[in-house]
């Protein structure tokens, strides 16, 4: 049995303006600050002599490969994504970029923003539009019921607020 695995399906090609800005800032930081610093460290380590047993040299080269790989990925991804900065005309429906507040029957509430797969952060309330929760929310209206799976149980929530912020 080999190590080959089929490639993961590509995520949606949409991103918010803030997400695209963060990706560009990461590329700039990696290319203009991190890479020159690591290159200098590798150069200094190479001057010390035997490179085969020089941990600074070995790990520095590894870090350079990681930086180059990340910059290459981000650059390609930025070329193929579509930045969605326009607020939809129908603000009463859940679309990409919406902040959605959900309330359960027991009084508990959740607040999520639907974003692209490159910028999701569940702790910050940013969920990918490809996630099951976001897919169940997209296209819904205010006061609609939504079933969301939490662990083994299904919880019913009501959409109490839909916001689009500049």
Protein backbone atom coordinates (compact mmCIF):
# COMPACT_ATOMS: atom_id res chain seq x y z
CA UNK A 1 0.00 0.00 0.00
CA UNK A 2 1.54 3.29 -1.08
CA UNK A 3 1.50 6.71 0.46
CA UNK A 4 -0.37 8.31 -2.41
CA UNK A 5 -3.57 10.03 -1.45
CA UNK A 6 -5.97 11.72 -3.82
CA UNK A 7 -5.77 15.51 -3.68
CA UNK A 8 -8.24 17.30 -1.45
CA UNK A 9 -11.07 19.00 -3.28
CA UNK A 10 -10.41 22.68 -3.77
CA UNK A 11 -12.35 25.03 -1.58
CA UNK A 12 -14.57 27.75 -2.94
CA UNK A 13 -12.79 30.57 -4.71
CA UNK A 14 -14.36 33.41 -2.77
CA UNK A 15 -12.77 35.56 -0.09
CA UNK A 16 -13.70 38.71 1.78
CA UNK A 17 -11.69 41.89 1.26
CA UNK A 18 -10.26 41.55 4.78
CA UNK A 19 -9.18 37.97 4.11
CA UNK A 20 -7.43 38.93 0.86
CA UNK A 21 -5.68 41.77 2.65
CA UNK A 22 -4.46 39.39 5.37
CA UNK A 23 -3.15 36.95 2.75
CA UNK A 24 -1.27 39.75 0.94
CA UNK A 25 0.16 40.95 4.25
CA UNK A 26 1.36 37.43 5.05
CA UNK A 27 3.09 37.13 1.67
CA UNK A 28 4.74 40.51 2.19
CA UNK A 29 5.89 39.62 5.70
CA UNK A 30 7.27 36.23 4.68
CA UNK A 31 9.03 37.54 1.58
CA UNK A 32 10.36 40.87 2.90
CA UNK A 33 11.02 40.16 6.58
CA UNK A 34 11.07 36.47 7.50
CA UNK A 35 12.94 35.09 4.48
CA UNK A 36 15.83 37.63 4.55
CA UNK A 37 16.27 37.03 8.29
CA UNK A 38 16.38 33.24 7.88
CA UNK A 39 18.67 33.55 4.84
CA UNK A 40 21.12 35.60 6.90
CA UNK A 41 21.00 33.01 9.71
CA UNK A 42 21.66 30.18 7.22
CA UNK A 43 24.53 32.14 5.69
CA UNK A 44 26.10 32.73 9.12
CA UNK A 45 25.67 29.05 10.01
CA UNK A 46 27.29 27.97 6.72
CA UNK A 47 30.37 30.02 7.57
CA UNK A 48 30.96 27.95 10.69
CA UNK A 49 32.18 24.94 8.73
CA UNK A 50 30.78 21.40 8.60
CA UNK A 51 27.18 21.72 7.46
CA UNK A 52 26.22 18.09 7.99
CA UNK A 53 26.19 18.47 11.78
CA UNK A 54 25.20 22.12 11.96
CA UNK A 55 21.66 22.29 13.35
CA UNK A 56 21.26 26.01 12.62
CA UNK A 57 22.10 25.40 8.97
CA UNK A 58 19.88 22.31 8.61
CA UNK A 59 16.83 23.85 10.31
CA UNK A 60 17.39 27.18 8.57
CA UNK A 61 17.32 25.48 5.16
CA UNK A 62 14.19 23.60 6.21
CA UNK A 63 12.55 26.88 7.28
CA UNK A 64 13.49 28.48 3.95
CA UNK A 65 11.75 25.63 2.09
CA UNK A 66 8.66 26.11 4.27
CA UNK A 67 8.61 29.86 3.62
CA UNK A 68 9.05 29.38 -0.13
CA UNK A 69 6.30 26.76 -0.21
CA UNK A 70 3.89 29.01 1.72
CA UNK A 71 4.65 32.04 -0.46
CA UNK A 72 4.14 29.96 -3.61
CA UNK A 73 0.81 28.63 -2.30
CA UNK A 74 -0.46 32.07 -1.25
CA UNK A 75 0.61 33.70 -4.51
CA UNK A 76 -1.17 31.06 -6.60
CA UNK A 77 -4.24 31.21 -4.40
CA UNK A 78 -4.42 35.02 -4.60
CA UNK A 79 -4.38 34.77 -8.40
CA UNK A 80 -7.35 32.41 -8.55
CA UNK A 81 -9.67 33.77 -5.84
CA UNK A 82 -12.45 36.30 -6.25
CA UNK A 83 -12.71 39.08 -3.68
CA UNK A 84 -16.31 39.71 -2.66
CA UNK A 85 -16.60 43.21 -1.26
CA UNK A 86 -20.10 44.10 -2.42
CA UNK A 87 -23.03 43.93 -0.03
CA UNK A 88 -26.01 42.08 -1.56
CA UNK A 89 -29.17 43.98 -2.43
CA UNK A 90 -31.38 41.66 -0.36
CA UNK A 91 -30.02 42.14 3.17
CA UNK A 92 -32.76 39.96 4.64
CA UNK A 93 -31.15 36.78 3.29
CA UNK A 94 -27.95 35.02 4.29
CA UNK A 95 -25.24 35.35 1.67
CA UNK A 96 -21.45 35.22 1.64
CA UNK A 97 -19.95 37.70 4.13
CA UNK A 98 -23.01 37.90 6.37
CA UNK A 99 -22.87 37.96 10.15
CA UNK A 100 -25.63 35.61 11.30
CA UNK A 101 -26.93 35.41 14.87
CA UNK A 102 -28.66 32.16 15.80
CA UNK A 103 -30.73 31.51 18.90
CA UNK A 104 -31.66 28.10 20.29
CA UNK A 105 -34.92 27.24 22.01
CA UNK A 106 -33.07 26.98 25.34
CA UNK A 107 -31.83 30.58 25.02
CA UNK A 108 -28.28 29.87 23.86
CA UNK A 109 -27.03 31.90 20.94
CA UNK A 110 -24.28 31.70 18.32
CA UNK A 111 -22.89 34.33 15.99
CA UNK A 112 -21.02 33.40 12.80
CA UNK A 113 -19.69 35.17 9.75
CA UNK A 114 -19.69 33.21 6.51
CA UNK A 115 -16.29 33.59 4.82
CA UNK A 116 -14.11 31.78 2.29
CA UNK A 117 -12.22 28.58 3.11
CA UNK A 118 -8.89 30.43 3.25
CA UNK A 119 -9.88 32.65 6.15
CA UNK A 120 -12.07 30.63 8.50
CA UNK A 121 -11.40 30.79 12.24
CA UNK A 122 -14.07 29.12 14.35
CA UNK A 123 -12.87 30.73 17.59
CA UNK A 124 -13.35 34.17 16.02
CA UNK A 125 -16.77 33.15 14.66
CA UNK A 126 -15.62 32.93 11.04
CA UNK A 127 -16.91 29.79 9.33
CA UNK A 128 -16.14 28.57 5.83
CA UNK A 129 -18.89 28.75 3.28
CA UNK A 130 -18.07 25.11 2.48
CA UNK A 131 -18.82 23.96 6.04
CA UNK A 132 -22.07 22.12 6.81
CA UNK A 133 -23.24 24.91 9.13
CA UNK A 134 -22.70 27.62 6.51
CA UNK A 135 -24.31 25.52 3.78
CA UNK A 136 -27.41 25.14 5.95
CA UNK A 137 -27.50 28.92 6.52
CA UNK A 138 -26.89 30.21 2.99
CA UNK A 139 -30.08 31.46 1.35
CA UNK A 140 -32.10 31.44 4.57
CA UNK A 141 -34.10 34.42 5.83
CA UNK A 142 -34.71 36.06 9.16
CA UNK A 143 -36.70 33.86 11.60
CA UNK A 144 -36.01 30.68 9.58
CA UNK A 145 -35.30 27.46 11.49
CA UNK A 146 -31.94 25.78 10.96
CA UNK A 147 -30.87 22.35 12.21
CA UNK A 148 -27.22 22.19 13.25
CA UNK A 149 -25.44 19.07 14.40
CA UNK A 150 -23.52 19.48 17.64
CA UNK A 151 -21.67 16.30 18.48
CA UNK A 152 -24.16 13.45 18.24
CA UNK A 153 -27.26 15.58 18.68
CA UNK A 154 -29.10 17.94 16.35
CA UNK A 155 -29.96 21.39 17.69
CA UNK A 156 -32.63 23.65 16.20
CA UNK A 157 -31.74 27.34 15.93
CA UNK A 158 -33.69 30.37 14.70
CA UNK A 159 -32.00 33.10 12.69
CA UNK A 160 -32.51 36.23 14.78
CA UNK A 161 -30.21 38.69 13.00
CA UNK A 162 -28.46 39.05 9.65
CA UNK A 163 -25.89 41.83 9.26
CA UNK A 164 -23.60 42.98 6.47
CA UNK A 165 -20.84 45.25 7.72
CA UNK A 166 -18.64 47.51 5.63
